[in-house]
PDB file of N, CA and C in Angstrom:
ATOM      1  N   UNK A   1      86.542  97.591  89.201  1.00  0.00           N
ATOM      2  CA  UNK A   1      85.589  96.723  88.532  1.00  0.00           C
ATOM      3  C   UNK A   1      84.301  97.519  88.318  1.00  0.00           C
ATOM      4  N   UNK A   2      83.780  97.508  87.124  1.00  0.00           N
ATOM      5  CA  UNK A   2      82.512  98.207  86.903  1.00  0.00           C
ATOM      6  C   UNK A   2      81.417  97.648  87.827  1.00  0.00           C
ATOM      7  N   UNK A   3      80.581  98.525  88.315  1.00  0.00           N
ATOM      8  CA  UNK A   3      79.524  98.109  89.257  1.00  0.00           C
ATOM      9  C   UNK A   3      78.624  97.037  88.668  1.00  0.00           C
ATOM     10  N   UNK A   4      78.337  97.146  87.377  1.00  0.00           N
ATOM     11  CA  UNK A   4      77.480  96.151  86.713  1.00  0.00           C
ATOM     12  C   UNK A   4      78.131  94.763  86.749  1.00  0.00           C
ATOM     13  N   UNK A   5      79.430  94.707  86.511  1.00  0.00           N
ATOM     14  CA  UNK A   5      80.157  93.428  86.560  1.00  0.00           C
ATOM     15  C   UNK A   5      80.142  92.863  87.970  1.00  0.00           C
ATOM     16  N   UNK A   6      80.355  93.706  88.957  1.00  0.00           N
ATOM     17  CA  UNK A   6      80.322  93.271  90.350  1.00  0.00           C
ATOM     18  C   UNK A   6      78.944  92.730  90.717  1.00  0.00           C
ATOM     19  N   UNK A   7      77.881  93.377  90.264  1.00  0.00           N
ATOM     20  CA  UNK A   7      76.516  92.917  90.537  1.00  0.00           C
ATOM     21  C   UNK A   7      76.271  91.542  89.919  1.00  0.00           C
ATOM     22  N   UNK A   8      76.756  91.336  88.697  1.00  0.00           N
ATOM     23  CA  UNK A   8      76.603  90.035  88.048  1.00  0.00           C
ATOM     24  C   UNK A   8      77.382  88.951  88.792  1.00  0.00           C
ATOM     25  N   UNK A   9      78.588  89.277  89.214  1.00  0.00           N
ATOM     26  CA  UNK A   9      79.400  88.331  89.977  1.00  0.00           C
ATOM     27  C   UNK A   9      78.669  87.917  91.249  1.00  0.00           C
ATOM     28  N   UNK A  10      78.146  88.902  91.972  1.00  0.00           N
ATOM     29  CA  UNK A  10      77.423  88.605  93.212  1.00  0.00           C
ATOM     30  C   UNK A  10      76.151  87.814  92.956  1.00  0.00           C
ATOM     31  N   UNK A  11      75.482  88.054  91.841  1.00  0.00           N
ATOM     32  CA  UNK A  11      74.265  87.305  91.503  1.00  0.00           C
ATOM     33  C   UNK A  11      74.581  85.830  91.258  1.00  0.00           C
ATOM     34  N   UNK A  12      75.702  85.567  90.596  1.00  0.00           N
ATOM     35  CA  UNK A  12      76.088  84.188  90.282  1.00  0.00           C
ATOM     36  C   UNK A  12      76.793  83.488  91.445  1.00  0.00           C
ATOM     37  N   UNK A  13      77.485  84.251  92.271  1.00  0.00           N
ATOM     38  CA  UNK A  13      78.236  83.700  93.397  1.00  0.00           C
ATOM     39  C   UNK A  13      77.901  84.511  94.661  1.00  0.00           C
ATOM     40  N   UNK A  14      76.682  84.333  95.181  1.00  0.00           N
ATOM     41  CA  UNK A  14      76.218  85.193  96.275  1.00  0.00           C
ATOM     42  C   UNK A  14      77.026  85.098  97.569  1.00  0.00           C
ATOM     43  N   UNK A  15      77.760  84.027  97.774  1.00  0.00           N
ATOM     44  CA  UNK A  15      78.553  83.887  98.998  1.00  0.00           C
ATOM     45  C   UNK A  15      79.972  84.417  98.831  1.00  0.00           C
ATOM     46  N   UNK A  16      80.304  84.880  97.631  1.00  0.00           N
ATOM     47  CA  UNK A  16      81.665  85.381  97.391  1.00  0.00           C
ATOM     48  C   UNK A  16      81.883  86.716  98.086  1.00  0.00           C
ATOM     49  N   UNK A  17      83.135  86.986  98.401  1.00  0.00           N
ATOM     50  CA  UNK A  17      83.540  88.245  99.024  1.00  0.00           C
ATOM     51  C   UNK A  17      84.690  88.821  98.203  1.00  0.00           C
ATOM     52  N   UNK A  18      84.367  89.539  97.121  1.00  0.00           N
ATOM     53  CA  UNK A  18      85.431  90.031  96.237  1.00  0.00           C
ATOM     54  C   UNK A  18      86.281  91.136  96.865  1.00  0.00           C
ATOM     55  N   UNK A  19      87.571  91.030  96.650  1.00  0.00           N
ATOM     56  CA  UNK A  19      88.521  92.087  96.984  1.00  0.00           C
ATOM     57  C   UNK A  19      88.793  92.816  95.674  1.00  0.00           C
ATOM     58  N   UNK A  20      88.419  94.078  95.590  1.00  0.00           N
ATOM     59  CA  UNK A  20      88.713  94.847  94.389  1.00  0.00           C
ATOM     60  C   UNK A  20      90.163  95.295  94.467  1.00  0.00           C
ATOM     61  N   UNK A  21      90.874  95.153  93.351  1.00  0.00           N
ATOM     62  CA  UNK A  21      92.304  95.465  93.339  1.00  0.00           C
ATOM     63  C   UNK A  21      92.638  96.359  92.156  1.00  0.00           C
ATOM     64  N   UNK A  22      93.633  97.204  92.359  1.00  0.00           N
ATOM     65  CA  UNK A  22      94.141  98.092  91.327  1.00  0.00           C
ATOM     66  C   UNK A  22      95.620  97.770  91.137  1.00  0.00           C
ATOM     67  N   UNK A  23      96.068  97.779  89.906  1.00  0.00           N
ATOM     68  CA  UNK A  23      97.476  97.508  89.682  1.00  0.00           C
ATOM     69  C   UNK A  23      97.940  97.937  88.305  1.00  0.00           C
ATOM     70  N   UNK A  24      99.238  97.882  88.138  1.00  0.00           N
ATOM     71  CA  UNK A  24      99.895  98.234  86.897  1.00  0.00           C
ATOM     72  C   UNK A  24     100.648  97.020  86.372  1.00  0.00           C
ATOM     73  N   UNK A  25     100.824  96.938  85.100  1.00  0.00           N
ATOM     74  CA  UNK A  25     101.540  95.814  84.509  1.00  0.00           C
ATOM     75  C   UNK A  25     102.902  95.616  85.151  1.00  0.00           C
ATOM     76  N   UNK A  26     103.622  96.714  85.369  1.00  0.00           N
ATOM     77  CA  UNK A  26     104.981  96.606  85.901  1.00  0.00           C
ATOM     78  C   UNK A  26     105.020  96.463  87.416  1.00  0.00           C
ATOM     79  N   UNK A  27     103.851  96.430  88.075  1.00  0.00           N
ATOM     80  CA  UNK A  27     103.840  96.345  89.533  1.00  0.00           C
ATOM     81  C   UNK A  27     102.856  95.299  90.062  1.00  0.00           C
ATOM     82  N   UNK A  28     102.379  94.402  89.228  1.00  0.00           N
ATOM     83  CA  UNK A  28     101.406  93.381  89.599  1.00  0.00           C
ATOM     84  C   UNK A  28     100.174  94.031  90.205  1.00  0.00           C
ATOM     85  N   UNK A  29     100.046  94.102  91.502  1.00  0.00           N
ATOM     86  CA  UNK A  29      98.929  94.779  92.151  1.00  0.00           C
ATOM     87  C   UNK A  29      99.484  95.856  93.070  1.00  0.00           C
ATOM     88  N   UNK A  30      98.764  96.955  93.183  1.00  0.00           N
ATOM     89  CA  UNK A  30      99.209  98.067  94.006  1.00  0.00           C
ATOM     90  C   UNK A  30      98.343  98.248  95.247  1.00  0.00           C
ATOM     91  N   UNK A  31      97.028  98.141  95.057  1.00  0.00           N
ATOM     92  CA  UNK A  31      96.107  98.397  96.162  1.00  0.00           C
ATOM     93  C   UNK A  31      94.982  97.372  96.176  1.00  0.00           C
ATOM     94  N   UNK A  32      94.288  97.335  97.308  1.00  0.00           N
ATOM     95  CA  UNK A  32      93.108  96.482  97.412  1.00  0.00           C
ATOM     96  C   UNK A  32      92.036  97.169  98.246  1.00  0.00           C
ATOM     97  N   UNK A  33      90.803  96.834  97.968  1.00  0.00           N
ATOM     98  CA  UNK A  33      89.665  97.316  98.731  1.00  0.00           C
ATOM     99  C   UNK A  33      88.996  96.090  99.340  1.00  0.00           C
ATOM    100  N   UNK A  34      88.999  95.961 100.667  1.00  0.00           N
ATOM    101  CA  UNK A  34      88.411  94.782 101.308  1.00  0.00           C
ATOM    102  C   UNK A  34      86.915  94.662 101.013  1.00  0.00           C
ATOM    103  N   UNK A  35      86.392  93.432 101.011  1.00  0.00           N
ATOM    104  CA  UNK A  35      84.977  93.206 100.685  1.00  0.00           C
ATOM    105  C   UNK A  35      84.004  94.054 101.505  1.00  0.00           C
ATOM    106  N   UNK A  36      84.311  94.275 102.774  1.00  0.00           N
ATOM    107  CA  UNK A  36      83.390  95.048 103.619  1.00  0.00           C
ATOM    108  C   UNK A  36      83.340  96.533 103.262  1.00  0.00           C
ATOM    109  N   UNK A  37      84.253  96.998 102.401  1.00  0.00           N
ATOM    110  CA  UNK A  37      84.287  98.400 101.977  1.00  0.00           C
ATOM    111  C   UNK A  37      83.704  98.616 100.575  1.00  0.00           C
ATOM    112  N   UNK A  38      83.491  97.540  99.841  1.00  0.00           N
ATOM    113  CA  UNK A  38      83.113  97.647  98.424  1.00  0.00           C
ATOM    114  C   UNK A  38      81.817  98.425  98.220  1.00  0.00           C
ATOM    115  N   UNK A  39      80.795  98.150  98.996  1.00  0.00           N
ATOM    116  CA  UNK A  39      79.517  98.846  98.789  1.00  0.00           C
ATOM    117  C   UNK A  39      79.576 100.300  99.246  1.00  0.00           C
ATOM    118  N   UNK A  40      80.351 100.565 100.262  1.00  0.00           N
ATOM    119  CA  UNK A  40      80.447 101.918 100.796  1.00  0.00           C
ATOM    120  C   UNK A  40      81.348 102.810  99.935  1.00  0.00           C
ATOM    121  N   UNK A  41      82.368 102.223  99.305  1.00  0.00           N
ATOM    122  CA  UNK A  41      83.352 102.985  98.529  1.00  0.00           C
ATOM    123  C   UNK A  41      83.644 102.296  97.194  1.00  0.00           C
ATOM    124  N   UNK A  42      82.643 102.092  96.346  1.00  0.00           N
ATOM    125  CA  UNK A  42      82.842 101.290  95.126  1.00  0.00           C
ATOM    126  C   UNK A  42      83.826 101.866  94.111  1.00  0.00           C
ATOM    127  N   UNK A  43      84.093 103.151  94.170  1.00  0.00           N
ATOM    128  CA  UNK A  43      85.018 103.767  93.209  1.00  0.00           C
ATOM    129  C   UNK A  43      86.424 103.944  93.771  1.00  0.00           C
ATOM    130  N   UNK A  44      86.662 103.474  94.981  1.00  0.00           N
ATOM    131  CA  UNK A  44      87.964 103.614  95.623  1.00  0.00           C
ATOM    132  C   UNK A  44      88.928 102.542  95.123  1.00  0.00           C
ATOM    133  N   UNK A  45      90.228 102.893  95.057  1.00  0.00           N
ATOM    134  CA  UNK A  45      91.234 101.879  94.746  1.00  0.00           C
ATOM    135  C   UNK A  45      91.742 101.220  96.025  1.00  0.00           C
ATOM    136  N   UNK A  46      91.266 101.680  97.173  1.00  0.00           N
ATOM    137  CA  UNK A  46      91.605 101.039  98.438  1.00  0.00           C
ATOM    138  C   UNK A  46      92.920 101.504  99.014  1.00  0.00           C
ATOM    139  N   UNK A  47      93.595 100.573  99.689  1.00  0.00           N
ATOM    140  CA  UNK A  47      94.856 100.891 100.364  1.00  0.00           C
ATOM    141  C   UNK A  47      95.974 100.028  99.803  1.00  0.00           C
ATOM    142  N   UNK A  48      97.189 100.432 100.093  1.00  0.00           N
ATOM    143  CA  UNK A  48      98.365  99.743  99.556  1.00  0.00           C
ATOM    144  C   UNK A  48      98.418  98.296 100.029  1.00  0.00           C
ATOM    145  N   UNK A  49      98.839  97.409  99.130  1.00  0.00           N
ATOM    146  CA  UNK A  49      99.069  96.020  99.504  1.00  0.00           C
ATOM    147  C   UNK A  49     100.298  95.972 100.422  1.00  0.00           C
ATOM    148  N   UNK A  50     100.475  94.889 101.182  1.00  0.00           N
ATOM    149  CA  UNK A  50     101.684  94.784 102.008  1.00  0.00           C
ATOM    150  C   UNK A  50     102.957  94.929 101.164  1.00  0.00           C
ATOM    151  N   UNK A  51     103.966  95.548 101.738  1.00  0.00           N
ATOM    152  CA  UNK A  51     105.268  95.774 101.096  1.00  0.00           C
ATOM    153  C   UNK A  51     105.212  96.722  99.906  1.00  0.00           C
ATOM    154  N   UNK A  52     104.200  97.594  99.877  1.00  0.00           N
ATOM    155  CA  UNK A  52     104.088  98.588  98.808  1.00  0.00           C
ATOM    156  C   UNK A  52     103.798  99.943  99.437  1.00  0.00           C
ATOM    157  N   UNK A  53     104.252 100.978  98.753  1.00  0.00           N
ATOM    158  CA  UNK A  53     103.947 102.345  99.158  1.00  0.00           C
ATOM    159  C   UNK A  53     103.301 103.029  97.965  1.00  0.00           C
ATOM    160  N   UNK A  54     102.153 103.656  98.193  1.00  0.00           N
ATOM    161  CA  UNK A  54     101.427 104.358  97.141  1.00  0.00           C
ATOM    162  C   UNK A  54     101.453 105.844  97.486  1.00  0.00           C
ATOM    163  N   UNK A  55     101.889 106.639  96.532  1.00  0.00           N
ATOM    164  CA  UNK A  55     102.024 108.082  96.732  1.00  0.00           C
ATOM    165  C   UNK A  55     101.309 108.817  95.605  1.00  0.00           C
ATOM    166  N   UNK A  56     100.855 110.017  95.882  1.00  0.00           N
ATOM    167  CA  UNK A  56     100.363 110.923  94.839  1.00  0.00           C
ATOM    168  C   UNK A  56     101.279 112.130  94.893  1.00  0.00           C
ATOM    169  N   UNK A  57     101.999 112.358  93.784  1.00  0.00           N
ATOM    170  CA  UNK A  57     103.057 113.374  93.756  1.00  0.00           C
ATOM    171  C   UNK A  57     102.804 114.445  92.716  1.00  0.00           C
ATOM    172  N   UNK A  58     103.324 115.629  93.014  1.00  0.00           N
ATOM    173  CA  UNK A  58     103.327 116.743  92.058  1.00  0.00           C
ATOM    174  C   UNK A  58     104.464 116.520  91.055  1.00  0.00           C
ATOM    175  N   UNK A  59     104.518 117.352  90.030  1.00  0.00           N
ATOM    176  CA  UNK A  59     105.583 117.237  89.022  1.00  0.00           C
ATOM    177  C   UNK A  59     106.968 117.384  89.626  1.00  0.00           C
ATOM    178  N   UNK A  60     107.095 118.158  90.708  1.00  0.00           N
ATOM    179  CA  UNK A  60     108.409 118.356  91.324  1.00  0.00           C
ATOM    180  C   UNK A  60     108.797 117.225  92.275  1.00  0.00           C
ATOM    181  N   UNK A  61     107.935 116.211  92.413  1.00  0.00           N
ATOM    182  CA  UNK A  61     108.220 115.063  93.264  1.00  0.00           C
ATOM    183  C   UNK A  61     107.740 115.210  94.695  1.00  0.00           C
ATOM    184  N   UNK A  62     107.168 116.353  95.043  1.00  0.00           N
ATOM    185  CA  UNK A  62     106.649 116.525  96.401  1.00  0.00           C
ATOM    186  C   UNK A  62     105.256 115.909  96.513  1.00  0.00           C
ATOM    187  N   UNK A  63     104.897 115.542  97.737  1.00  0.00           N
ATOM    188  CA  UNK A  63     103.607 114.885  97.983  1.00  0.00           C
ATOM    189  C   UNK A  63     102.457 115.864  97.807  1.00  0.00           C
ATOM    190  N   UNK A  64     101.381 115.394  97.196  1.00  0.00           N
ATOM    191  CA  UNK A  64     100.174 116.199  97.037  1.00  0.00           C
ATOM    192  C   UNK A  64      99.407 116.243  98.356  1.00  0.00           C
ATOM    193  N   UNK A  65      98.629 117.286  98.516  1.00  0.00           N
ATOM    194  CA  UNK A  65      97.715 117.388  99.651  1.00  0.00           C
ATOM    195  C   UNK A  65      96.487 116.514  99.373  1.00  0.00           C
ATOM    196  N   UNK A  66      95.703 116.256 100.391  1.00  0.00           N
ATOM    197  CA  UNK A  66      94.471 115.471 100.217  1.00  0.00           C
ATOM    198  C   UNK A  66      93.601 116.121  99.136  1.00  0.00           C
ATOM    199  N   UNK A  67      93.080 115.301  98.237  1.00  0.00           N
ATOM    200  CA  UNK A  67      92.181 115.702  97.144  1.00  0.00           C
ATOM    201  C   UNK A  67      92.866 116.541  96.060  1.00  0.00           C
ATOM    202  N   UNK A  68      94.173 116.682  96.117  1.00  0.00           N
ATOM    203  CA  UNK A  68      94.917 117.397  95.076  1.00  0.00           C
ATOM    204  C   UNK A  68      95.314 116.400  93.994  1.00  0.00           C
ATOM    205  N   UNK A  69      95.040 116.695  92.724  1.00  0.00           N
ATOM    206  CA  UNK A  69      95.439 115.759  91.661  1.00  0.00           C
ATOM    207  C   UNK A  69      96.955 115.696  91.522  1.00  0.00           C
ATOM    208  N   UNK A  70      97.443 114.545  91.097  1.00  0.00           N
ATOM    209  CA  UNK A  70      98.869 114.352  90.883  1.00  0.00           C
ATOM    210  C   UNK A  70      99.118 113.018  90.224  1.00  0.00           C
ATOM    211  N   UNK A  71     100.368 112.621  90.174  1.00  0.00           N
ATOM    212  CA  UNK A  71     100.764 111.340  89.576  1.00  0.00           C
ATOM    213  C   UNK A  71     100.742 110.255  90.640  1.00  0.00           C
ATOM    214  N   UNK A  72     100.072 109.152  90.355  1.00  0.00           N
ATOM    215  CA  UNK A  72     100.038 108.016  91.260  1.00  0.00           C
ATOM    216  C   UNK A  72     101.337 107.237  91.091  1.00  0.00           C
ATOM    217  N   UNK A  73     102.070 107.053  92.187  1.00  0.00           N
ATOM    218  CA  UNK A  73     103.365 106.382  92.155  1.00  0.00           C
ATOM    219  C   UNK A  73     103.326 105.196  93.097  1.00  0.00           C
ATOM    220  N   UNK A  74     103.778 104.064  92.617  1.00  0.00           N
ATOM    221  CA  UNK A  74     103.857 102.836  93.410  1.00  0.00           C
ATOM    222  C   UNK A  74     105.319 102.461  93.513  1.00  0.00           C
ATOM    223  N   UNK A  75     105.771 102.213  94.730  1.00  0.00           N
ATOM    224  CA  UNK A  75     107.123 101.692  94.896  1.00  0.00           C
ATOM    225  C   UNK A  75     107.088 100.595  95.936  1.00  0.00           C
ATOM    226  N   UNK A  76     107.978  99.635  95.755  1.00  0.00           N
ATOM    227  CA  UNK A  76     108.043  98.515  96.678  1.00  0.00           C
ATOM    228  C   UNK A  76     108.636  97.288  96.010  1.00  0.00           C
ATOM    229  N   UNK A  77     108.577  96.193  96.730  1.00  0.00           N
ATOM    230  CA  UNK A  77     109.229  94.948  96.312  1.00  0.00           C
ATOM    231  C   UNK A  77     108.657  94.358  95.028  1.00  0.00           C
ATOM    232  N   UNK A  78     107.409  94.657  94.677  1.00  0.00           N
ATOM    233  CA  UNK A  78     106.787  94.029  93.510  1.00  0.00           C
ATOM    234  C   UNK A  78     106.849  94.865  92.238  1.00  0.00           C
ATOM    235  N   UNK A  79     107.512  96.006  92.290  1.00  0.00           N
ATOM    236  CA  UNK A  79     107.615  96.863  91.106  1.00  0.00           C
ATOM    237  C   UNK A  79     108.741  96.365  90.219  1.00  0.00           C
ATOM    238  N   UNK A  80     108.460  96.246  88.928  1.00  0.00           N
ATOM    239  CA  UNK A  80     109.477  95.808  87.976  1.00  0.00           C
ATOM    240  C   UNK A  80     110.658  96.758  87.958  1.00  0.00           C
ATOM    241  N   UNK A  81     111.845  96.219  87.746  1.00  0.00           N
ATOM    242  CA  UNK A  81     113.064  97.016  87.747  1.00  0.00           C
ATOM    243  C   UNK A  81     113.316  97.721  86.420  1.00  0.00           C
ATOM    244  N   UNK A  82     112.580  97.374  85.397  1.00  0.00           N
ATOM    245  CA  UNK A  82     112.766  98.034  84.111  1.00  0.00           C
ATOM    246  C   UNK A  82     112.451  97.087  82.967  1.00  0.00           C
ATOM    247  N   UNK A  83     112.626  97.580  81.763  1.00  0.00           N
ATOM    248  CA  UNK A  83     112.417  96.762  80.571  1.00  0.00           C
ATOM    249  C   UNK A  83     113.642  95.878  80.375  1.00  0.00           C
ATOM    250  N   UNK A  84     113.429  94.612  80.155  1.00  0.00           N
ATOM    251  CA  UNK A  84     114.498  93.632  80.052  1.00  0.00           C
ATOM    252  C   UNK A  84     115.503  94.041  78.987  1.00  0.00           C
ATOM    253  N   UNK A  85     116.739  94.298  79.411  1.00  0.00           N
ATOM    254  CA  UNK A  85     117.859  94.619  78.525  1.00  0.00           C
ATOM    255  C   UNK A  85     117.597  95.796  77.582  1.00  0.00           C
ATOM    256  N   UNK A  86     116.775  96.746  77.982  1.00  0.00           N
ATOM    257  CA  UNK A  86     116.490  97.890  77.121  1.00  0.00           C
ATOM    258  C   UNK A  86     116.722  99.177  77.911  1.00  0.00           C
ATOM    259  N   UNK A  87     117.992  99.538  78.087  1.00  0.00           N
ATOM    260  CA  UNK A  87     118.359 100.692  78.901  1.00  0.00           C
ATOM    261  C   UNK A  87     117.839 102.004  78.320  1.00  0.00           C
ATOM    262  N   UNK A  88     117.776 102.102  77.003  1.00  0.00           N
ATOM    263  CA  UNK A  88     117.278 103.328  76.374  1.00  0.00           C
ATOM    264  C   UNK A  88     115.800 103.542  76.724  1.00  0.00           C
ATOM    265  N   UNK A  89     115.003 102.489  76.605  1.00  0.00           N
ATOM    266  CA  UNK A  89     113.580 102.594  76.928  1.00  0.00           C
ATOM    267  C   UNK A  89     113.393 102.872  78.419  1.00  0.00           C
ATOM    268  N   UNK A  90     114.190 102.244  79.260  1.00  0.00           N
ATOM    269  CA  UNK A  90     114.112 102.512  80.700  1.00  0.00           C
ATOM    270  C   UNK A  90     114.329 103.995  80.982  1.00  0.00           C
ATOM    271  N   UNK A  91     115.337 104.579  80.349  1.00  0.00           N
ATOM    272  CA  UNK A  91     115.661 105.977  80.563  1.00  0.00           C
ATOM    273  C   UNK A  91     114.562 106.926  80.120  1.00  0.00           C
ATOM    274  N   UNK A  92     113.812 106.529  79.091  1.00  0.00           N
ATOM    275  CA  UNK A  92     112.732 107.376  78.587  1.00  0.00           C
ATOM    276  C   UNK A  92     111.459 107.260  79.411  1.00  0.00           C
ATOM    277  N   UNK A  93     111.182 106.090  79.976  1.00  0.00           N
ATOM    278  CA  UNK A  93     109.853 105.865  80.545  1.00  0.00           C
ATOM    279  C   UNK A  93     109.806 105.621  82.043  1.00  0.00           C
ATOM    280  N   UNK A  94     110.918 105.249  82.661  1.00  0.00           N
ATOM    281  CA  UNK A  94     110.896 104.948  84.088  1.00  0.00           C
ATOM    282  C   UNK A  94     111.641 106.009  84.869  1.00  0.00           C
ATOM    283  N   UNK A  95     111.116 106.330  86.040  1.00  0.00           N
ATOM    284  CA  UNK A  95     111.784 107.265  86.939  1.00  0.00           C
ATOM    285  C   UNK A  95     112.121 106.509  88.206  1.00  0.00           C
ATOM    286  N   UNK A  96     113.248 106.806  88.791  1.00  0.00           N
ATOM    287  CA  UNK A  96     113.628 106.110  90.022  1.00  0.00           C
ATOM    288  C   UNK A  96     112.837 106.640  91.193  1.00  0.00           C
ATOM    289  N   UNK A  97     112.681 105.824  92.218  1.00  0.00           N
ATOM    290  CA  UNK A  97     111.979 106.259  93.421  1.00  0.00           C
ATOM    291  C   UNK A  97     112.657 107.473  94.036  1.00  0.00           C
ATOM    292  N   UNK A  98     113.987 107.504  94.008  1.00  0.00           N
ATOM    293  CA  UNK A  98     114.717 108.636  94.584  1.00  0.00           C
ATOM    294  C   UNK A  98     114.428 109.906  93.819  1.00  0.00           C
ATOM    295  N   UNK A  99     114.320 109.803  92.501  1.00  0.00           N
ATOM    296  CA  UNK A  99     114.025 110.978  91.700  1.00  0.00           C
ATOM    297  C   UNK A  99     112.587 111.432  91.840  1.00  0.00           C
ATOM    298  N   UNK A 100     111.715 110.526  92.186  1.00  0.00           N
ATOM    299  CA  UNK A 100     110.315 110.856  92.314  1.00  0.00           C
ATOM    300  C   UNK A 100     109.956 111.445  93.670  1.00  0.00           C
ATOM    301  N   UNK A 101     110.634 111.036  94.716  1.00  0.00           N
ATOM    302  CA  UNK A 101     110.209 111.425  96.061  1.00  0.00           C
ATOM    303  C   UNK A 101     111.436 111.793  96.880  1.00  0.00           C
ATOM    304  N   UNK A 102     111.829 113.020  96.791  1.00  0.00           N
ATOM    305  CA  UNK A 102     113.050 113.467  97.491  1.00  0.00           C
ATOM    306  C   UNK A 102     112.899 113.272  98.994  1.00  0.00           C
ATOM    307  N   UNK A 103     113.955 112.774  99.610  1.00  0.00           N
ATOM    308  CA  UNK A 103     113.960 112.609 101.045  1.00  0.00           C
ATOM    309  C   UNK A 103     113.369 111.324 101.545  1.00  0.00           C
ATOM    310  N   UNK A 104     112.873 110.482 100.676  1.00  0.00           N
ATOM    311  CA  UNK A 104     112.251 109.225 101.123  1.00  0.00           C
ATOM    312  C   UNK A 104     113.259 108.119 101.204  1.00  0.00           C
TER     313      UNK A 104
END
């Protein structure tokens, strides 16, 4: 959430405790940042929601080191299984968890 939007929200609803959340269309929500962390870490996407695993992977599917750029991968119960009845599109755009993270 842009800081300006958060400031306006707090001005209008001063007793509110917003949980900032990050997510993808095909995975609903992936992470959350608790209200007590928002001011200290406003640009953070937070930690994984329950029943989700968030990984940052290299092109070869191995895990990145801390602060190393990579692809953000979400896997878990809330991730969509694919495009409805469109196997060709699934094959072009979705990668399986097994293919993304060897040994997991």
